């Protein structure tokens, strides 16, 4: 039986997102990043020791950058792969 804390689950999900991103499965990486954010987002708002630890983790987690890099590679290394504003890339 596992008694993982939310922070431990978040760390595991961060690794999972990075694995999906490195494998080139951007859709799955985005889905799992969304799960991570939904799990930890509300907890980061809590004025507690755990809330502060989660805030720090969310600032330092590596999966958003890994996902950004995967999108860059999938887009052929162009700015259009990572820029959400089409007017900036034309």
N, C-alpha and C. Protein backbone atom coordinates (compact mmCIF):
# COMPACT_ATOMS: atom_id res chain seq x y z
N UNK A 1 0.84 -1.18 0.00
CA UNK A 1 0.00 0.00 0.00
C UNK A 1 0.88 1.23 0.00
N UNK A 2 0.55 2.21 -0.81
CA UNK A 2 1.35 3.41 -0.96
C UNK A 2 0.64 4.60 -0.31
N UNK A 3 1.40 5.38 0.42
CA UNK A 3 0.85 6.57 1.05
C UNK A 3 1.59 7.79 0.52
N UNK A 4 1.55 7.98 -0.79
CA UNK A 4 2.24 9.09 -1.41
C UNK A 4 1.57 10.41 -1.06
N UNK A 5 2.40 11.43 -0.86
CA UNK A 5 1.86 12.77 -0.66
C UNK A 5 1.57 13.37 -2.02
N UNK A 6 0.84 14.45 -2.03
CA UNK A 6 0.54 15.14 -3.29
C UNK A 6 1.83 15.60 -3.96
N UNK A 7 2.78 16.04 -3.16
CA UNK A 7 4.06 16.49 -3.72
C UNK A 7 4.81 15.34 -4.38
N UNK A 8 4.80 14.18 -3.76
CA UNK A 8 5.45 13.01 -4.37
C UNK A 8 4.76 12.62 -5.67
N UNK A 9 3.44 12.67 -5.68
CA UNK A 9 2.70 12.38 -6.92
C UNK A 9 3.05 13.40 -7.99
N UNK A 10 3.17 14.66 -7.59
CA UNK A 10 3.54 15.72 -8.53
C UNK A 10 4.92 15.48 -9.12
N UNK A 11 5.86 15.08 -8.28
CA UNK A 11 7.22 14.80 -8.79
C UNK A 11 7.19 13.64 -9.79
N UNK A 12 6.42 12.61 -9.46
CA UNK A 12 6.31 11.47 -10.37
C UNK A 12 5.68 11.89 -11.70
N UNK A 13 4.65 12.71 -11.63
CA UNK A 13 4.01 13.19 -12.85
C UNK A 13 4.95 14.07 -13.66
N UNK A 14 5.77 14.87 -12.99
CA UNK A 14 6.74 15.71 -13.68
C UNK A 14 7.69 14.83 -14.50
N UNK A 15 8.17 13.75 -13.90
CA UNK A 15 9.03 12.80 -14.62
C UNK A 15 8.28 12.15 -15.77
N UNK A 16 7.02 11.80 -15.53
CA UNK A 16 6.23 11.15 -16.58
C UNK A 16 6.04 12.08 -17.77
N UNK A 17 5.72 13.33 -17.50
CA UNK A 17 5.53 14.31 -18.59
C UNK A 17 6.83 14.43 -19.39
N UNK A 18 7.95 14.51 -18.69
CA UNK A 18 9.24 14.62 -19.40
C UNK A 18 9.49 13.38 -20.26
N UNK A 19 9.13 12.21 -19.75
CA UNK A 19 9.33 10.98 -20.53
C UNK A 19 8.49 11.00 -21.80
N UNK A 20 7.22 11.39 -21.68
CA UNK A 20 6.36 11.47 -22.86
C UNK A 20 6.89 12.50 -23.85
N UNK A 21 7.34 13.63 -23.33
CA UNK A 21 7.88 14.68 -24.21
C UNK A 21 9.13 14.19 -24.93
N UNK A 22 10.03 13.53 -24.22
CA UNK A 22 11.24 13.02 -24.85
C UNK A 22 10.93 11.94 -25.88
N UNK A 23 9.84 11.21 -25.66
CA UNK A 23 9.43 10.17 -26.62
C UNK A 23 8.71 10.78 -27.83
N UNK A 24 8.43 12.08 -27.75
CA UNK A 24 7.78 12.75 -28.87
C UNK A 24 6.26 12.70 -28.85
N UNK A 25 5.68 12.19 -27.77
CA UNK A 25 4.22 12.11 -27.66
C UNK A 25 3.71 13.36 -26.95
N UNK A 26 3.60 14.43 -27.69
CA UNK A 26 3.24 15.73 -27.15
C UNK A 26 1.83 15.71 -26.56
N UNK A 27 0.91 15.07 -27.24
CA UNK A 27 -0.47 15.02 -26.74
C UNK A 27 -0.54 14.37 -25.35
N UNK A 28 0.13 13.24 -25.18
CA UNK A 28 0.12 12.56 -23.89
C UNK A 28 0.84 13.40 -22.83
N UNK A 29 1.94 14.03 -23.21
CA UNK A 29 2.66 14.89 -22.27
C UNK A 29 1.77 16.04 -21.81
N UNK A 30 1.04 16.63 -22.73
CA UNK A 30 0.13 17.74 -22.36
C UNK A 30 -0.98 17.26 -21.43
N UNK A 31 -1.52 16.08 -21.71
CA UNK A 31 -2.58 15.53 -20.86
C UNK A 31 -2.08 15.31 -19.44
N UNK A 32 -0.90 14.72 -19.32
CA UNK A 32 -0.36 14.42 -17.99
C UNK A 32 0.06 15.70 -17.26
N UNK A 33 0.53 16.71 -17.99
CA UNK A 33 0.86 17.99 -17.37
C UNK A 33 -0.40 18.64 -16.84
N UNK A 34 -1.50 18.50 -17.56
CA UNK A 34 -2.78 19.03 -17.11
C UNK A 34 -3.22 18.35 -15.81
N UNK A 35 -3.04 17.03 -15.74
CA UNK A 35 -3.38 16.28 -14.53
C UNK A 35 -2.54 16.81 -13.36
N UNK A 36 -1.25 17.00 -13.61
CA UNK A 36 -0.36 17.50 -12.57
C UNK A 36 -0.83 18.87 -12.07
N UNK A 37 -1.15 19.76 -12.99
CA UNK A 37 -1.58 21.11 -12.62
C UNK A 37 -2.90 21.10 -11.86
N UNK A 38 -3.82 20.23 -12.27
CA UNK A 38 -5.11 20.14 -11.57
C UNK A 38 -4.94 19.55 -10.18
N UNK A 39 -3.99 18.63 -10.03
CA UNK A 39 -3.74 18.01 -8.73
C UNK A 39 -3.11 19.01 -7.76
N UNK A 40 -2.08 19.71 -8.23
CA UNK A 40 -1.30 20.54 -7.32
C UNK A 40 -1.74 22.00 -7.26
N UNK A 41 -2.38 22.50 -8.29
CA UNK A 41 -2.78 23.90 -8.33
C UNK A 41 -3.54 24.35 -7.09
N UNK A 42 -4.63 23.69 -6.74
CA UNK A 42 -5.39 24.09 -5.56
C UNK A 42 -4.60 23.95 -4.26
N UNK A 43 -3.75 22.93 -4.19
CA UNK A 43 -2.97 22.71 -2.97
C UNK A 43 -1.90 23.78 -2.78
N UNK A 44 -1.42 24.34 -3.88
CA UNK A 44 -0.41 25.39 -3.80
C UNK A 44 -0.97 26.67 -3.20
N UNK A 45 -2.28 26.81 -3.23
CA UNK A 45 -2.95 28.01 -2.69
C UNK A 45 -3.09 27.95 -1.17
N UNK A 46 -2.93 26.76 -0.61
CA UNK A 46 -3.13 26.60 0.83
C UNK A 46 -1.99 27.25 1.62
N UNK A 47 -2.34 27.99 2.68
CA UNK A 47 -1.31 28.64 3.51
C UNK A 47 -0.72 27.66 4.53
N UNK A 48 0.02 26.70 4.02
CA UNK A 48 0.60 25.67 4.89
C UNK A 48 2.01 25.36 4.41
N UNK A 49 2.72 24.57 5.20
CA UNK A 49 4.06 24.15 4.83
C UNK A 49 4.02 23.37 3.50
N UNK A 50 3.04 22.47 3.39
CA UNK A 50 2.90 21.70 2.15
C UNK A 50 2.57 22.61 0.98
N UNK A 51 1.70 23.60 1.20
CA UNK A 51 1.35 24.54 0.14
C UNK A 51 2.57 25.30 -0.36
N UNK A 52 3.43 25.73 0.56
CA UNK A 52 4.65 26.45 0.16
C UNK A 52 5.61 25.52 -0.58
N UNK A 53 5.71 24.28 -0.13
CA UNK A 53 6.58 23.31 -0.81
C UNK A 53 6.07 23.04 -2.23
N UNK A 54 4.78 22.96 -2.39
CA UNK A 54 4.20 22.72 -3.72
C UNK A 54 4.42 23.93 -4.62
N UNK A 55 4.29 25.14 -4.06
CA UNK A 55 4.56 26.35 -4.85
C UNK A 55 5.99 26.32 -5.38
N UNK A 56 6.94 25.98 -4.52
CA UNK A 56 8.34 25.91 -4.94
C UNK A 56 8.54 24.84 -6.01
N UNK A 57 7.92 23.70 -5.81
CA UNK A 57 8.03 22.62 -6.79
C UNK A 57 7.49 23.08 -8.15
N UNK A 58 6.32 23.72 -8.16
CA UNK A 58 5.71 24.16 -9.41
C UNK A 58 6.60 25.17 -10.14
N UNK A 59 7.33 25.97 -9.39
CA UNK A 59 8.25 26.94 -10.01
C UNK A 59 9.47 26.24 -10.62
N UNK A 60 9.88 25.13 -10.00
CA UNK A 60 11.13 24.48 -10.40
C UNK A 60 10.95 23.25 -11.28
N UNK A 61 9.72 22.77 -11.46
CA UNK A 61 9.54 21.53 -12.22
C UNK A 61 10.04 21.70 -13.65
N UNK A 62 10.51 20.62 -14.21
CA UNK A 62 11.18 20.66 -15.50
C UNK A 62 10.30 20.26 -16.69
N UNK A 63 9.14 19.71 -16.42
CA UNK A 63 8.31 19.21 -17.52
C UNK A 63 7.82 20.30 -18.48
N UNK A 64 7.47 21.52 -18.03
CA UNK A 64 7.03 22.51 -19.02
C UNK A 64 8.12 22.82 -20.06
N UNK A 65 9.36 22.91 -19.62
CA UNK A 65 10.46 23.18 -20.55
C UNK A 65 10.67 21.98 -21.49
N UNK A 66 10.57 20.78 -20.95
CA UNK A 66 10.72 19.58 -21.78
C UNK A 66 9.64 19.52 -22.84
N UNK A 67 8.42 19.89 -22.47
CA UNK A 67 7.31 19.90 -23.42
C UNK A 67 7.54 20.98 -24.49
N UNK A 68 8.01 22.12 -24.07
CA UNK A 68 8.31 23.21 -25.02
C UNK A 68 9.37 22.75 -26.03
N UNK A 69 10.41 22.09 -25.54
CA UNK A 69 11.45 21.58 -26.43
C UNK A 69 10.92 20.52 -27.37
N UNK A 70 10.04 19.66 -26.88
CA UNK A 70 9.45 18.62 -27.74
C UNK A 70 8.62 19.25 -28.85
N UNK A 71 7.87 20.29 -28.51
CA UNK A 71 7.09 21.00 -29.53
C UNK A 71 8.01 21.65 -30.55
N UNK A 72 9.12 22.18 -30.08
CA UNK A 72 10.10 22.80 -30.97
C UNK A 72 10.62 21.77 -31.97
N UNK A 73 11.00 20.59 -31.44
CA UNK A 73 11.51 19.53 -32.32
C UNK A 73 10.44 19.06 -33.29
N UNK A 74 9.21 18.89 -32.81
CA UNK A 74 8.12 18.41 -33.66
C UNK A 74 7.77 19.41 -34.75
N UNK A 75 7.98 20.67 -34.47
CA UNK A 75 7.69 21.72 -35.45
C UNK A 75 8.86 22.01 -36.37
N UNK A 76 9.86 21.19 -36.34
CA UNK A 76 11.02 21.39 -37.21
C UNK A 76 11.95 22.48 -36.70
N UNK A 77 11.82 22.83 -35.43
CA UNK A 77 12.71 23.82 -34.85
C UNK A 77 12.40 25.25 -35.27
N UNK A 78 11.13 25.52 -35.55
CA UNK A 78 10.74 26.87 -35.94
C UNK A 78 10.03 27.57 -34.81
N UNK A 79 9.97 28.87 -34.87
CA UNK A 79 9.29 29.67 -33.85
C UNK A 79 7.79 29.34 -33.80
N UNK A 80 7.22 28.94 -34.92
CA UNK A 80 5.79 28.61 -34.96
C UNK A 80 5.46 27.44 -34.03
N UNK A 81 6.44 26.61 -33.74
CA UNK A 81 6.20 25.44 -32.90
C UNK A 81 5.92 25.82 -31.45
N UNK A 82 6.41 26.96 -31.02
CA UNK A 82 6.26 27.31 -29.61
C UNK A 82 5.56 28.65 -29.38
N UNK A 83 5.33 29.41 -30.41
CA UNK A 83 4.72 30.73 -30.26
C UNK A 83 3.21 30.65 -30.47
N UNK A 84 2.42 30.97 -29.45
CA UNK A 84 0.97 30.86 -29.57
C UNK A 84 0.32 31.97 -30.39
N UNK A 85 1.06 33.02 -30.68
CA UNK A 85 0.50 34.16 -31.40
C UNK A 85 0.94 34.12 -32.86
N UNK A 86 0.06 33.71 -33.79
CA UNK A 86 0.44 33.58 -35.19
C UNK A 86 0.93 34.88 -35.82
N UNK A 87 0.45 36.02 -35.35
CA UNK A 87 0.86 37.29 -35.95
C UNK A 87 2.34 37.57 -35.71
N UNK A 88 2.94 36.94 -34.71
CA UNK A 88 4.35 37.16 -34.42
C UNK A 88 5.26 36.28 -35.28
N UNK A 89 4.70 35.28 -35.95
CA UNK A 89 5.53 34.34 -36.70
C UNK A 89 5.39 34.51 -38.21
N UNK A 90 4.54 35.38 -38.65
CA UNK A 90 4.36 35.57 -40.09
C UNK A 90 5.30 36.62 -40.65
